[in-house]
Protein backbone atom coordinates (compact mmCIF):
# COMPACT_ATOMS: atom_id res chain seq x y z
CA MET A 1 -7.22 -27.78 13.87
CA SER A 2 -9.11 -24.65 12.77
CA ALA A 3 -9.77 -23.53 9.19
CA ALA A 4 -7.75 -20.38 9.81
CA PRO A 5 -4.54 -20.11 7.76
CA ASN A 6 -1.25 -20.73 9.49
CA PRO A 7 0.24 -17.28 10.28
CA VAL A 8 3.68 -18.50 9.21
CA ASP A 9 2.40 -19.11 5.70
CA PRO A 10 2.54 -16.14 3.30
CA PRO A 11 -0.60 -13.95 3.48
CA LEU A 12 -3.33 -14.61 0.98
CA PRO A 13 -4.48 -11.75 -1.26
CA PRO A 14 -7.90 -10.23 -0.41
CA ARG A 15 -10.83 -12.08 -1.97
CA GLY A 16 -11.98 -10.80 -5.32
CA SER A 17 -8.91 -8.75 -5.84
CA GLY A 18 -6.71 -9.07 -8.84
CA PRO A 19 -3.55 -7.27 -9.74
CA GLY A 20 -4.07 -3.56 -9.72
CA PRO A 21 -3.58 -0.35 -7.78
CA GLN A 22 -6.01 -1.38 -5.00
CA GLU A 23 -4.12 -4.60 -4.16
CA VAL A 24 -2.62 -4.57 -0.67
CA PRO A 25 1.11 -5.30 -0.77
CA ALA A 26 2.43 -8.26 1.22
CA ILE A 27 4.20 -7.77 4.51
CA SER A 28 7.84 -6.87 4.06
CA ALA A 29 10.46 -9.56 3.64
CA ALA A 30 12.00 -8.70 7.01
CA ALA A 31 8.68 -9.27 8.77
CA GLU A 32 8.25 -12.56 6.94
CA ARG A 33 11.74 -13.69 8.00
CA ALA A 34 11.09 -12.65 11.61
CA ARG A 35 7.81 -14.54 11.63
CA ALA A 36 9.45 -17.66 10.24
CA GLU A 37 12.34 -17.41 12.73
CA LEU A 38 9.88 -17.05 15.63
CA HIS A 39 7.97 -20.10 14.47
CA GLU A 40 11.20 -22.09 14.08
CA GLU A 41 12.34 -21.08 17.58
CA ILE A 42 9.02 -22.14 19.12
CA GLU A 43 9.16 -25.47 17.30
CA ARG A 44 12.81 -25.94 18.36
CA VAL A 45 11.88 -25.42 22.03
CA ARG A 46 8.87 -27.73 21.75
CA LEU A 47 10.95 -30.44 20.08
CA GLY A 48 13.65 -29.93 22.72
CA VAL A 49 11.12 -30.62 25.47
CA GLU A 50 9.91 -33.71 23.64
CA GLU A 51 13.50 -34.94 23.14
CA MET A 52 14.33 -34.28 26.79
CA LEU A 53 11.36 -36.36 27.86
CA ALA A 54 12.28 -39.10 25.38
CA GLU A 55 15.83 -39.19 26.76
CA GLN A 56 14.43 -39.72 30.23
CA LYS A 57 12.79 -42.84 28.81
CA GLN A 58 9.46 -41.67 30.04
CA PRO A 59 6.44 -41.68 27.81
CA ILE A 60 5.11 -38.22 27.16
CA ASP A 61 2.32 -37.63 29.59
CA ALA A 62 -1.05 -36.86 28.01
CA ASP A 63 -1.31 -33.73 30.16
CA LEU A 64 2.12 -32.59 29.04
CA ARG A 65 1.23 -33.36 25.39
CA ARG A 66 -1.95 -31.28 25.76
CA GLU A 67 0.07 -28.47 27.36
CA LEU A 68 2.60 -28.51 24.51
CA ASP A 69 -0.19 -28.53 21.93
CA SER A 70 -1.94 -25.74 23.83
CA ILE A 71 1.24 -23.64 23.82
CA ARG A 72 1.64 -24.26 20.09
CA GLU A 73 -1.98 -23.19 19.43
CA GLU A 74 -1.71 -20.11 21.67
CA THR A 75 1.47 -19.09 19.91
CA ARG A 76 -0.12 -19.60 16.49
CA LEU A 77 -3.15 -17.52 17.50
CA TYR A 78 -0.96 -14.78 19.02
CA VAL A 79 1.17 -14.54 15.87
CA LYS A 80 -1.97 -14.57 13.72
CA LYS A 81 -3.50 -11.76 15.82
CA ARG A 82 -0.34 -9.65 15.64
CA VAL A 83 -0.03 -10.18 11.89
CA ARG A 84 -3.69 -9.25 11.37
CA LYS A 85 -3.22 -6.10 13.47
CA THR A 86 -0.10 -5.14 11.49
CA GLU A 87 -1.87 -5.81 8.18
CA LYS A 88 -4.81 -3.61 9.20
CA LYS A 89 -2.43 -0.84 10.20
CA LEU A 90 -0.66 -1.21 6.85
CA GLU A 91 -4.00 -1.09 5.01
CA ARG A 92 -4.98 2.13 6.84
CA SER A 93 -1.62 3.64 6.01
CA ILE A 94 -1.98 2.68 2.35
CA GLN A 95 -5.50 4.13 2.30
CA ARG A 96 -4.20 7.44 3.68
CA ILE A 97 -1.46 7.46 1.04
CA ASP A 98 -4.03 6.70 -1.67
CA ASP A 99 -6.24 9.53 -0.42
CA ARG A 100 -3.32 11.96 -0.46
CA THR A 101 -2.32 10.76 -3.92
CA ARG A 102 -5.84 11.34 -5.24
CA ALA A 103 -5.90 14.83 -3.69
CA LEU A 104 -2.54 15.66 -5.28
CA GLU A 105 -3.70 14.32 -8.65
CA GLN A 106 -6.79 16.54 -8.43
CA ARG A 107 -4.62 19.55 -7.62
CA ILE A 108 -2.31 18.71 -10.53
CA ASP A 109 -5.34 18.43 -12.85
CA LEU A 110 -6.63 21.79 -11.60
CA VAL A 111 -3.24 23.46 -12.12
CA GLU A 112 -3.01 21.93 -15.61
CA ALA A 113 -6.51 23.22 -16.47
CA ASP A 114 -5.56 26.69 -15.15
CA ARG A 115 -2.36 26.61 -17.22
CA GLN A 116 -4.27 25.69 -20.37
CA ALA A 117 -6.84 28.44 -19.70
CA ALA A 118 -4.02 30.97 -19.16
CA GLU A 119 -2.32 29.90 -22.40
CA TYR A 120 -5.63 30.31 -24.26
CA ARG A 121 -6.19 33.76 -22.72
CA ILE A 122 -2.65 34.83 -23.57
CA HIS A 123 -3.04 33.58 -27.14
CA THR A 124 -6.43 35.22 -27.71
CA ASP A 125 -5.39 38.50 -26.00
CA THR A 126 -2.20 38.61 -28.08
CA GLU A 127 -4.17 37.87 -31.25
CA ARG A 128 -6.71 40.58 -30.39
CA MET A 129 -3.90 43.07 -29.64
CA LEU A 130 -2.12 42.26 -32.92
CA ASP A 131 -5.41 42.61 -34.84
CA GLY A 132 -5.92 46.02 -33.21
CA LEU A 133 -2.37 47.08 -34.11
CA LEU A 134 -2.83 45.88 -37.67
CA HIS A 135 -6.07 47.85 -37.91
CA GLU A 136 -4.32 51.00 -36.60
CA VAL A 137 -1.35 50.52 -38.99
CA ARG A 138 -3.77 50.14 -41.94
CA GLY A 139 -5.59 53.26 -40.81
CA ILE A 140 -2.31 55.18 -40.68
CA ALA A 141 -1.30 53.74 -44.06
CA ASP A 142 -4.65 54.83 -45.52
CA LEU A 143 -4.16 58.36 -44.17
CA LEU A 144 -0.63 58.50 -45.60
CA THR A 145 -1.73 57.20 -49.01
CA ARG A 146 -4.56 59.81 -49.24
CA GLN A 147 -2.22 62.67 -48.71
């Protein structure tokens, strides 16, 4: 048997990855159930063939055994390939979402910086205007007190 993981087993996390925002989420529970059901159905059919041959009191032919094992291996490889393809598609989708999220965060940061700059301008302009008004009021008060 190969060193490749059984596609019915839960997927392993990417190497060198720990918990964090870059971790790829596991395939959904529905996909996991479907995968397990498919595997169970294939095993049920294979066992049914073996039982049927056993009931006929005939030893399982080596060619038939190889064919059954070959079908099992082909099925395992097919499921593994489909799962890998789905996982890659999911990873691309997550990457696009991450890219959009980063772009939105940058826009939010830019808008926040613009808001802070506008608040500062409003504050300083208002302070400057009030200082000018105070200066004019003092000038008027000085004129009134001289007279």
